[in-house]
């Protein structure tokens, strides 16, 4: 896909179902790899579970960073967003990949947006003029259908 720096007048849509599926796909992968790492390389702890200590404890955080921010700035979308045909772009409508700061801010608030099965995210998406969740508001981003971007190119 060609990257365009043209500012677009894009009407955003809530896309709640697609956004939910995208987040579910991304975090199933992230949690799956995290649990695999913990049970494979972790050490038994006093509570009967496993713990990753020291530098190995950073691996799940680095993997999260790569799966969310890395894929978004490198390829334009996470795996989940790619599967459902969504892309996060700057709020001004410029069709480009997000910067590290924009992507990091929007994903840093994922735990809040996904709280109670995504209720916080759904409420903010439904009540903002650009259908943004908290992470999008802080990162100055919007989520649009890739098909809408392709129409304008």
Protein backbone atom coordinates (compact mmCIF):
# COMPACT_ATOMS: atom_id res chain seq x y z
CA UNK A 1 0.00 0.00 0.00
CA UNK A 2 1.33 3.40 -0.94
CA UNK A 3 1.74 5.82 1.90
CA UNK A 4 0.11 9.18 1.32
CA UNK A 5 0.83 12.28 3.37
CA UNK A 6 -2.30 13.94 2.02
CA UNK A 7 -4.69 15.12 4.72
CA UNK A 8 -8.04 13.43 4.27
CA UNK A 9 -11.56 14.29 5.32
CA UNK A 10 -12.47 10.86 6.67
CA UNK A 11 -15.70 10.18 8.46
CA UNK A 12 -14.89 7.86 11.32
CA UNK A 13 -17.23 5.08 12.42
CA UNK A 14 -17.37 3.32 15.79
CA UNK A 15 -16.53 -0.13 14.30
CA UNK A 16 -17.01 -1.53 17.82
CA UNK A 17 -17.28 -5.17 16.70
CA UNK A 18 -14.20 -5.02 14.48
CA UNK A 19 -12.21 -3.13 17.10
CA UNK A 20 -13.20 -5.68 19.75
CA UNK A 21 -12.13 -8.59 17.52
CA UNK A 22 -8.86 -6.83 16.64
CA UNK A 23 -8.01 -6.27 20.30
CA UNK A 24 -9.02 -9.83 21.16
CA UNK A 25 -6.74 -11.28 18.45
CA UNK A 26 -3.79 -9.10 19.47
CA UNK A 27 -4.09 -9.82 23.17
CA UNK A 28 -4.73 -13.56 22.74
CA UNK A 29 -1.37 -13.69 20.95
CA UNK A 30 0.32 -11.49 23.57
CA UNK A 31 -1.07 -13.41 26.55
CA UNK A 32 -0.45 -16.77 24.87
CA UNK A 33 3.23 -16.00 24.32
CA UNK A 34 3.52 -14.51 27.82
CA UNK A 35 2.03 -17.61 29.48
CA UNK A 36 4.23 -19.85 27.35
CA UNK A 37 7.32 -17.90 28.44
CA UNK A 38 6.33 -17.95 32.09
CA UNK A 39 5.65 -21.69 32.18
CA UNK A 40 8.68 -22.54 30.04
CA UNK A 41 11.32 -20.28 31.57
CA UNK A 42 9.72 -19.27 34.85
CA UNK A 43 10.61 -20.59 38.26
CA UNK A 44 8.04 -21.97 40.73
CA UNK A 45 7.07 -19.43 43.37
CA UNK A 46 5.64 -19.70 46.90
CA UNK A 47 2.04 -19.28 45.70
CA UNK A 48 2.19 -22.39 43.52
CA UNK A 49 2.60 -20.47 40.25
CA UNK A 50 5.56 -19.43 38.17
CA UNK A 51 7.54 -16.21 38.02
CA UNK A 52 9.92 -14.70 35.51
CA UNK A 53 12.62 -12.86 37.42
CA UNK A 54 15.40 -10.55 36.33
CA UNK A 55 16.02 -9.87 32.65
CA UNK A 56 13.70 -12.68 31.44
CA UNK A 57 10.89 -10.75 33.13
CA UNK A 58 11.35 -8.01 30.51
CA UNK A 59 10.66 -10.38 27.60
CA UNK A 60 6.84 -10.20 27.85
CA UNK A 61 7.01 -6.38 28.00
CA UNK A 62 9.28 -6.23 24.97
CA UNK A 63 7.02 -8.69 23.13
CA UNK A 64 3.97 -6.50 23.93
CA UNK A 65 5.85 -3.46 22.62
CA UNK A 66 6.74 -5.24 19.38
CA UNK A 67 3.23 -6.68 18.87
CA UNK A 68 1.46 -3.37 19.37
CA UNK A 69 3.71 -0.39 18.78
CA UNK A 70 6.32 -2.12 16.60
CA UNK A 71 3.84 -3.61 14.14
CA UNK A 72 1.81 -0.41 14.02
CA UNK A 73 4.77 1.84 13.21
CA UNK A 74 6.44 -0.73 10.97
CA UNK A 75 3.51 -2.11 8.98
CA UNK A 76 0.74 0.41 9.67
CA UNK A 77 -1.45 -1.90 11.78
CA UNK A 78 -1.37 -4.63 14.39
CA UNK A 79 -2.21 -8.20 13.39
CA UNK A 80 -5.76 -7.83 14.73
CA UNK A 81 -6.39 -4.54 12.94
CA UNK A 82 -5.00 -5.96 9.71
CA UNK A 83 -7.33 -8.97 9.92
CA UNK A 84 -10.44 -6.83 10.36
CA UNK A 85 -9.41 -4.08 7.92
CA UNK A 86 -8.73 -1.22 10.31
CA UNK A 87 -5.83 1.21 10.60
CA UNK A 88 -4.91 3.85 13.17
CA UNK A 89 -3.87 7.17 11.66
CA UNK A 90 -3.23 10.66 13.06
CA UNK A 91 -6.36 12.56 14.08
CA UNK A 92 -5.86 15.09 11.29
CA UNK A 93 -6.57 12.35 8.72
CA UNK A 94 -3.07 12.11 7.23
CA UNK A 95 -2.76 8.64 5.69
CA UNK A 96 0.56 7.59 7.18
CA UNK A 97 1.95 5.14 9.71
CA UNK A 98 1.90 6.35 13.28
CA UNK A 99 5.03 7.60 15.00
CA UNK A 100 6.44 5.73 17.99
CA UNK A 101 5.00 8.32 20.38
CA UNK A 102 1.51 8.25 18.86
CA UNK A 103 1.34 4.46 18.87
CA UNK A 104 2.92 4.07 22.31
CA UNK A 105 0.46 6.52 23.89
CA UNK A 106 -2.58 4.82 22.35
CA UNK A 107 -1.49 1.35 23.46
CA UNK A 108 -0.30 2.36 26.91
CA UNK A 109 -3.94 2.97 27.80
CA UNK A 110 -5.14 -0.41 26.43
CA UNK A 111 -5.63 -1.85 29.95
CA UNK A 112 -7.98 1.01 30.84
CA UNK A 113 -9.82 0.91 27.50
CA UNK A 114 -10.25 -2.85 27.76
CA UNK A 115 -11.36 -2.81 31.39
CA UNK A 116 -14.52 -4.85 32.06
CA UNK A 117 -14.60 -6.43 28.59
CA UNK A 118 -13.91 -3.14 26.82
CA UNK A 119 -16.70 -1.16 28.47
CA UNK A 120 -14.52 1.93 29.01
CA UNK A 121 -13.39 1.87 25.37
CA UNK A 122 -16.93 1.34 24.07
CA UNK A 123 -18.27 4.23 26.15
CA UNK A 124 -15.56 6.63 24.98
CA UNK A 125 -15.86 5.49 21.34
CA UNK A 126 -19.62 6.07 21.42
CA UNK A 127 -19.31 9.50 23.08
CA UNK A 128 -16.51 11.19 21.11
CA UNK A 129 -17.02 12.97 17.81
CA UNK A 130 -14.20 11.02 16.10
CA UNK A 131 -15.11 7.65 17.73
CA UNK A 132 -11.91 7.56 19.78
CA UNK A 133 -11.09 5.49 22.83
CA UNK A 134 -8.96 6.96 25.63
CA UNK A 135 -5.71 5.78 24.02
CA UNK A 136 -6.69 7.40 20.73
CA UNK A 137 -7.54 10.67 22.47
CA UNK A 138 -4.17 10.77 24.27
CA UNK A 139 -2.25 9.71 21.15
CA UNK A 140 -4.19 12.10 18.86
CA UNK A 141 -5.19 9.22 16.60
CA UNK A 142 -8.31 7.86 14.95
CA UNK A 143 -9.13 4.37 13.70
CA UNK A 144 -10.52 4.06 10.18
CA UNK A 145 -11.37 1.31 7.74
CA UNK A 146 -8.53 0.64 5.32
CA UNK A 147 -11.12 0.49 2.53
CA UNK A 148 -11.93 4.17 3.21
CA UNK A 149 -8.23 5.06 2.89
CA UNK A 150 -7.95 3.15 -0.38
CA UNK A 151 -10.88 5.11 -1.88
CA UNK A 152 -9.06 8.39 -1.41
CA UNK A 153 -5.76 7.35 -2.92
